Amino acid sequence: MVETLKSAQKWLSAKLRSDESGVTIVEYAIMLVLVAVVVIIANPAIQTALSTLFSGVSSFIQAGASGLS
């Protein structure tokens, strides 16, 4: 029984060390973020919408913070 567990542990350990699928997911996520940044920079309408959104969020946070004091 102990030998079977040791064998299974060795097999799983080797399998996990050789599995690099997580790296691929991270690489795709980085590429997606870079493409999104390029699209946002290239499109002035998105820049304006994001600027308005962040200004509204900033005003909301400032109003909430001033109400606490």
C-alpha atoms as a PDB file:
ATOM      1  CA  MET A   1       0.000   0.000   0.000  1.00  0.00           C
ATOM      2  CA  VAL A   2       2.790   2.405   0.928  1.00  0.00           C
ATOM      3  CA  GLU A   3       4.675   1.573  -2.271  1.00  0.00           C
ATOM      4  CA  THR A   4       1.532   2.298  -4.306  1.00  0.00           C
ATOM      5  CA  LEU A   5       1.156   5.701  -2.638  1.00  0.00           C
ATOM      6  CA  LYS A   6       4.825   6.518  -3.230  1.00  0.00           C
ATOM      7  CA  SER A   7       4.492   5.493  -6.859  1.00  0.00           C
ATOM      8  CA  ALA A   8       1.370   7.635  -7.285  1.00  0.00           C
ATOM      9  CA  GLN A   9       3.125  10.565  -5.615  1.00  0.00           C
ATOM     10  CA  LYS A  10       6.108  10.287  -7.959  1.00  0.00           C
ATOM     11  CA  TRP A  11       3.839  10.064 -11.000  1.00  0.00           C
ATOM     12  CA  LEU A  12       1.747  13.076  -9.928  1.00  0.00           C
ATOM     13  CA  SER A  13       4.829  15.101  -9.055  1.00  0.00           C
ATOM     14  CA  ALA A  14       6.377  14.436 -12.467  1.00  0.00           C
ATOM     15  CA  LYS A  15       3.087  15.211 -14.207  1.00  0.00           C
ATOM     16  CA  LEU A  16       2.670  18.545 -12.412  1.00  0.00           C
ATOM     17  CA  ARG A  17       6.245  19.604 -13.125  1.00  0.00           C
ATOM     18  CA  SER A  18       5.866  18.936 -16.837  1.00  0.00           C
ATOM     19  CA  ASP A  19       2.435  20.601 -17.156  1.00  0.00           C
ATOM     20  CA  GLU A  20       2.868  24.144 -18.513  1.00  0.00           C
ATOM     21  CA  SER A  21      -0.745  24.904 -19.496  1.00  0.00           C
ATOM     22  CA  GLY A  22      -0.974  27.597 -16.793  1.00  0.00           C
ATOM     23  CA  VAL A  23       1.820  29.517 -18.476  1.00  0.00           C
ATOM     24  CA  THR A  24      -0.138  29.539 -21.728  1.00  0.00           C
ATOM     25  CA  ILE A  25      -3.203  31.014 -20.023  1.00  0.00           C
ATOM     26  CA  VAL A  26      -1.095  33.791 -18.502  1.00  0.00           C
ATOM     27  CA  GLU A  27       0.451  34.550 -21.878  1.00  0.00           C
ATOM     28  CA  TYR A  28      -2.986  34.815 -23.497  1.00  0.00           C
ATOM     29  CA  ALA A  29      -4.160  37.125 -20.703  1.00  0.00           C
ATOM     30  CA  ILE A  30      -1.169  39.411 -21.197  1.00  0.00           C
ATOM     31  CA  MET A  31      -1.775  39.538 -24.963  1.00  0.00           C
ATOM     32  CA  LEU A  32      -5.462  40.327 -24.386  1.00  0.00           C
ATOM     33  CA  VAL A  33      -4.603  43.200 -22.051  1.00  0.00           C
ATOM     34  CA  LEU A  34      -2.078  44.608 -24.528  1.00  0.00           C
ATOM     35  CA  VAL A  35      -4.620  44.477 -27.371  1.00  0.00           C
ATOM     36  CA  ALA A  36      -7.207  46.181 -25.155  1.00  0.00           C
ATOM     37  CA  VAL A  37      -4.731  48.958 -24.298  1.00  0.00           C
ATOM     38  CA  VAL A  38      -3.939  49.522 -27.975  1.00  0.00           C
ATOM     39  CA  VAL A  39      -7.641  49.681 -28.865  1.00  0.00           C
ATOM     40  CA  ILE A  40      -8.333  52.153 -26.059  1.00  0.00           C
ATOM     41  CA  ILE A  41      -5.409  54.374 -27.062  1.00  0.00           C
ATOM     42  CA  ALA A  42      -6.356  54.253 -30.739  1.00  0.00           C
ATOM     43  CA  ASN A  43     -10.049  55.072 -30.215  1.00  0.00           C
ATOM     44  CA  PRO A  44     -10.754  58.582 -28.846  1.00  0.00           C
ATOM     45  CA  ALA A  45     -14.412  57.750 -28.142  1.00  0.00           C
ATOM     46  CA  ILE A  46     -13.354  55.036 -25.694  1.00  0.00           C
ATOM     47  CA  GLN A  47     -10.879  57.438 -24.110  1.00  0.00           C
ATOM     48  CA  THR A  48     -13.650  59.988 -23.537  1.00  0.00           C
ATOM     49  CA  ALA A  49     -16.035  57.391 -22.124  1.00  0.00           C
ATOM     50  CA  LEU A  50     -13.406  56.018 -19.750  1.00  0.00           C
ATOM     51  CA  SER A  51     -12.395  59.498 -18.655  1.00  0.00           C
ATOM     52  CA  THR A  52     -16.037  60.329 -17.875  1.00  0.00           C
ATOM     53  CA  LEU A  53     -16.469  57.041 -16.020  1.00  0.00           C
ATOM     54  CA  PHE A  54     -13.390  57.522 -13.861  1.00  0.00           C
ATOM     55  CA  SER A  55     -14.287  61.163 -13.161  1.00  0.00           C
ATOM     56  CA  GLY A  56     -17.729  60.056 -11.965  1.00  0.00           C
ATOM     57  CA  VAL A  57     -16.251  57.342  -9.757  1.00  0.00           C
ATOM     58  CA  SER A  58     -13.720  59.810  -8.346  1.00  0.00           C
ATOM     59  CA  SER A  59     -16.460  62.338  -7.552  1.00  0.00           C
ATOM     60  CA  PHE A  60     -18.548  59.609  -5.901  1.00  0.00           C
ATOM     61  CA  ILE A  61     -15.621  58.506  -3.720  1.00  0.00           C
ATOM     62  CA  GLN A  62     -14.750  62.084  -2.769  1.00  0.00           C
ATOM     63  CA  ALA A  63     -18.369  62.828  -1.844  1.00  0.00           C
ATOM     64  CA  GLY A  64     -18.497  59.706   0.308  1.00  0.00           C
ATOM     65  CA  ALA A  65     -15.182  60.524   1.980  1.00  0.00           C
ATOM     66  CA  SER A  66     -16.246  64.090   2.788  1.00  0.00           C
ATOM     67  CA  GLY A  67     -19.448  62.778   4.361  1.00  0.00           C
ATOM     68  CA  LEU A  68     -17.421  60.714   6.833  1.00  0.00           C
ATOM     69  CA  SER A  69     -15.667  63.660   8.469  1.00  0.00           C
END
